[in-house]
Structures are given as C-alpha cells and as structure tokens.
Amino acid sequence: MVEGVILPWITDTDIYNIWENWCIENRDIIFLNKKGDYISKINIDNGYDENEGDIINLINELLNDD
C-alpha cells in the first residue's frame, strides 16, 4: 500500500490514540502550525478539487504565521 508513495503513512499507537483524540477519518488532511499544534483538518473523500482552495489558503496562512 505504501510502496512508491511519497505521502507519509502513520501508524497510531495506544499511547497517543490520535485517530480517536482528533476524530480523524480516512483521507483527512491534518494541518499543524509551526509549533506542531493541531490547527484544522480537511477530508478529501469528495475529491481534492472541491477542497483545493481551502487547502491552499490554509497552507498559505500557516506559512505566513509568525
């Protein structure tokens, strides 16, 4: 499933339980700030094209955040 893929595949652990704590679903994109704090998530199940503008805007905001 991950061979030849450039996106990371993360395995959750019982210690952090991120999927449950952050209410993550399959195909969610998680956004963290420069400090590593959770900011937002966007699910792309309906397709990237529908969310492209929101994703680009959020990335630009995070890159410009001091």
N, C-alpha and C. Protein backbone atom coordinates (compact mmCIF):
# COMPACT_ATOMS: atom_id res chain seq x y z
N MET A 1 0.81 -1.19 0.00
CA MET A 1 0.00 0.00 0.00
C MET A 1 0.86 1.26 0.00
N VAL A 2 2.04 1.23 0.56
CA VAL A 2 2.86 2.43 0.66
C VAL A 2 4.04 2.44 -0.31
N GLU A 3 4.23 1.36 -1.04
CA GLU A 3 5.36 1.27 -1.96
C GLU A 3 5.22 2.30 -3.07
N GLY A 4 6.26 3.12 -3.26
CA GLY A 4 6.27 4.12 -4.32
C GLY A 4 5.43 5.35 -4.01
N VAL A 5 4.92 5.46 -2.78
CA VAL A 5 4.08 6.58 -2.39
C VAL A 5 4.95 7.62 -1.68
N ILE A 6 4.72 8.90 -2.00
CA ILE A 6 5.54 9.94 -1.39
C ILE A 6 4.90 10.54 -0.14
N LEU A 7 3.62 10.29 0.09
CA LEU A 7 2.97 10.80 1.29
C LEU A 7 3.23 9.84 2.46
N PRO A 8 3.35 10.39 3.66
CA PRO A 8 3.63 9.52 4.81
C PRO A 8 2.41 8.68 5.20
N TRP A 9 2.67 7.52 5.71
CA TRP A 9 1.64 6.65 6.26
C TRP A 9 1.95 6.53 7.74
N ILE A 10 0.99 6.87 8.57
CA ILE A 10 1.24 6.93 10.00
C ILE A 10 0.47 5.83 10.71
N THR A 11 1.15 5.17 11.63
CA THR A 11 0.52 4.16 12.46
C THR A 11 0.29 4.76 13.84
N ASP A 12 -0.96 4.75 14.27
CA ASP A 12 -1.30 5.29 15.59
C ASP A 12 -0.93 4.28 16.66
N THR A 13 -0.75 4.76 17.87
CA THR A 13 -0.44 3.87 18.99
C THR A 13 -1.44 4.11 20.12
N ASP A 14 -1.53 3.16 21.02
CA ASP A 14 -2.42 3.30 22.18
C ASP A 14 -2.00 4.46 23.08
N ILE A 15 -0.72 4.80 23.05
CA ILE A 15 -0.22 5.89 23.90
C ILE A 15 -0.82 7.23 23.46
N TYR A 16 -0.80 7.50 22.15
CA TYR A 16 -1.27 8.80 21.64
C TYR A 16 -2.72 8.76 21.18
N ASN A 17 -3.14 7.68 20.58
CA ASN A 17 -4.51 7.49 20.13
C ASN A 17 -5.03 8.71 19.35
N ILE A 18 -4.23 9.17 18.40
CA ILE A 18 -4.52 10.38 17.65
C ILE A 18 -5.82 10.26 16.85
N TRP A 19 -6.07 9.14 16.22
CA TRP A 19 -7.29 8.98 15.40
C TRP A 19 -8.53 9.26 16.23
N GLU A 20 -8.56 8.76 17.44
CA GLU A 20 -9.73 8.97 18.30
C GLU A 20 -9.73 10.37 18.92
N ASN A 21 -8.58 10.79 19.43
CA ASN A 21 -8.50 12.09 20.11
C ASN A 21 -8.78 13.26 19.17
N TRP A 22 -8.36 13.17 17.93
CA TRP A 22 -8.58 14.24 16.97
C TRP A 22 -9.76 13.95 16.05
N CYS A 23 -10.48 12.85 16.28
CA CYS A 23 -11.65 12.45 15.45
C CYS A 23 -11.27 12.37 13.97
N ILE A 24 -10.16 11.74 13.69
CA ILE A 24 -9.67 11.61 12.32
C ILE A 24 -10.39 10.48 11.60
N GLU A 25 -10.66 10.71 10.32
CA GLU A 25 -11.25 9.70 9.45
C GLU A 25 -10.29 9.47 8.28
N ASN A 26 -10.50 8.38 7.58
CA ASN A 26 -9.68 8.07 6.42
C ASN A 26 -9.77 9.22 5.41
N ARG A 27 -8.64 9.60 4.85
CA ARG A 27 -8.49 10.65 3.84
C ARG A 27 -8.59 12.06 4.41
N ASP A 28 -8.39 12.21 5.72
CA ASP A 28 -8.30 13.53 6.34
C ASP A 28 -6.88 14.06 6.13
N ILE A 29 -6.79 15.35 5.85
CA ILE A 29 -5.50 16.04 5.83
C ILE A 29 -5.46 16.86 7.11
N ILE A 30 -4.43 16.65 7.90
CA ILE A 30 -4.30 17.32 9.18
C ILE A 30 -3.30 18.46 9.04
N PHE A 31 -3.65 19.62 9.55
CA PHE A 31 -2.80 20.79 9.48
C PHE A 31 -2.31 21.16 10.88
N LEU A 32 -1.01 21.32 10.98
CA LEU A 32 -0.36 21.73 12.23
C LEU A 32 0.35 23.05 11.99
N ASN A 33 0.47 23.87 13.03
CA ASN A 33 1.23 25.10 12.88
C ASN A 33 2.72 24.80 13.04
N LYS A 34 3.55 25.83 12.99
CA LYS A 34 5.00 25.65 13.06
C LYS A 34 5.44 25.08 14.40
N LYS A 35 4.62 25.23 15.43
CA LYS A 35 4.92 24.68 16.74
C LYS A 35 4.47 23.23 16.88
N GLY A 36 3.76 22.73 15.87
CA GLY A 36 3.26 21.36 15.92
C GLY A 36 1.90 21.23 16.55
N ASP A 37 1.22 22.36 16.77
CA ASP A 37 -0.12 22.34 17.34
C ASP A 37 -1.16 22.06 16.25
N TYR A 38 -2.15 21.27 16.59
CA TYR A 38 -3.25 20.97 15.67
C TYR A 38 -4.00 22.25 15.36
N ILE A 39 -4.24 22.51 14.06
CA ILE A 39 -4.98 23.69 13.63
C ILE A 39 -6.31 23.32 13.00
N SER A 40 -6.28 22.37 12.07
CA SER A 40 -7.50 22.05 11.34
C SER A 40 -7.34 20.73 10.60
N LYS A 41 -8.44 20.25 10.05
CA LYS A 41 -8.39 19.08 9.17
C LYS A 41 -9.40 19.27 8.04
N ILE A 42 -9.09 18.71 6.92
CA ILE A 42 -9.98 18.72 5.76
C ILE A 42 -10.02 17.31 5.22
N ASN A 43 -11.22 16.80 4.98
CA ASN A 43 -11.37 15.46 4.42
C ASN A 43 -11.54 15.58 2.92
N ILE A 44 -10.79 14.77 2.18
CA ILE A 44 -10.83 14.85 0.72
C ILE A 44 -11.58 13.68 0.10
N ASP A 45 -12.49 13.05 0.84
CA ASP A 45 -13.29 11.96 0.27
C ASP A 45 -14.11 12.42 -0.93
N ASN A 46 -14.55 13.67 -0.93
CA ASN A 46 -15.33 14.19 -2.05
C ASN A 46 -14.45 14.66 -3.20
N GLY A 47 -13.15 14.50 -3.04
CA GLY A 47 -12.22 14.89 -4.09
C GLY A 47 -11.41 16.10 -3.71
N TYR A 48 -10.21 16.11 -4.16
CA TYR A 48 -9.29 17.21 -3.87
C TYR A 48 -9.79 18.51 -4.50
N ASP A 49 -10.34 18.42 -5.72
CA ASP A 49 -10.75 19.62 -6.44
C ASP A 49 -11.74 20.46 -5.65
N GLU A 50 -12.66 19.82 -4.92
CA GLU A 50 -13.65 20.56 -4.15
C GLU A 50 -13.02 21.31 -2.98
N ASN A 51 -11.90 20.83 -2.48
CA ASN A 51 -11.26 21.41 -1.31
C ASN A 51 -9.98 22.19 -1.64
N GLU A 52 -9.60 22.23 -2.90
CA GLU A 52 -8.29 22.79 -3.27
C GLU A 52 -8.09 24.21 -2.75
N GLY A 53 -9.06 25.08 -2.94
CA GLY A 53 -8.93 26.46 -2.50
C GLY A 53 -8.76 26.57 -0.99
N ASP A 54 -9.55 25.81 -0.24
CA ASP A 54 -9.44 25.82 1.22
C ASP A 54 -8.07 25.32 1.67
N ILE A 55 -7.58 24.27 1.02
CA ILE A 55 -6.28 23.70 1.38
C ILE A 55 -5.16 24.70 1.10
N ILE A 56 -5.19 25.31 -0.06
CA ILE A 56 -4.15 26.28 -0.43
C ILE A 56 -4.18 27.48 0.51
N ASN A 57 -5.37 27.99 0.81
CA ASN A 57 -5.49 29.14 1.72
C ASN A 57 -4.96 28.81 3.10
N LEU A 58 -5.29 27.63 3.61
CA LEU A 58 -4.83 27.24 4.94
C LEU A 58 -3.31 27.08 4.97
N ILE A 59 -2.75 26.47 3.95
CA ILE A 59 -1.29 26.32 3.86
C ILE A 59 -0.62 27.69 3.84
N ASN A 60 -1.14 28.60 3.03
CA ASN A 60 -0.55 29.95 2.96
C ASN A 60 -0.65 30.67 4.29
N GLU A 61 -1.79 30.54 4.98
CA GLU A 61 -1.92 31.16 6.30
C GLU A 61 -0.89 30.60 7.28
N LEU A 62 -0.72 29.29 7.26
CA LEU A 62 0.23 28.66 8.18
C LEU A 62 1.67 29.05 7.83
N LEU A 63 1.99 29.17 6.55
CA LEU A 63 3.34 29.55 6.16
C LEU A 63 3.64 31.00 6.54
N ASN A 64 2.64 31.86 6.51
CA ASN A 64 2.83 33.27 6.83
C ASN A 64 2.68 33.58 8.32
N ASP A 65 2.25 32.60 9.10
CA ASP A 65 2.06 32.79 10.53
C ASP A 65 3.41 32.91 11.22
N ASP A 66 3.57 33.94 12.01
CA ASP A 66 4.86 34.15 12.69
C ASP A 66 4.91 33.39 13.95
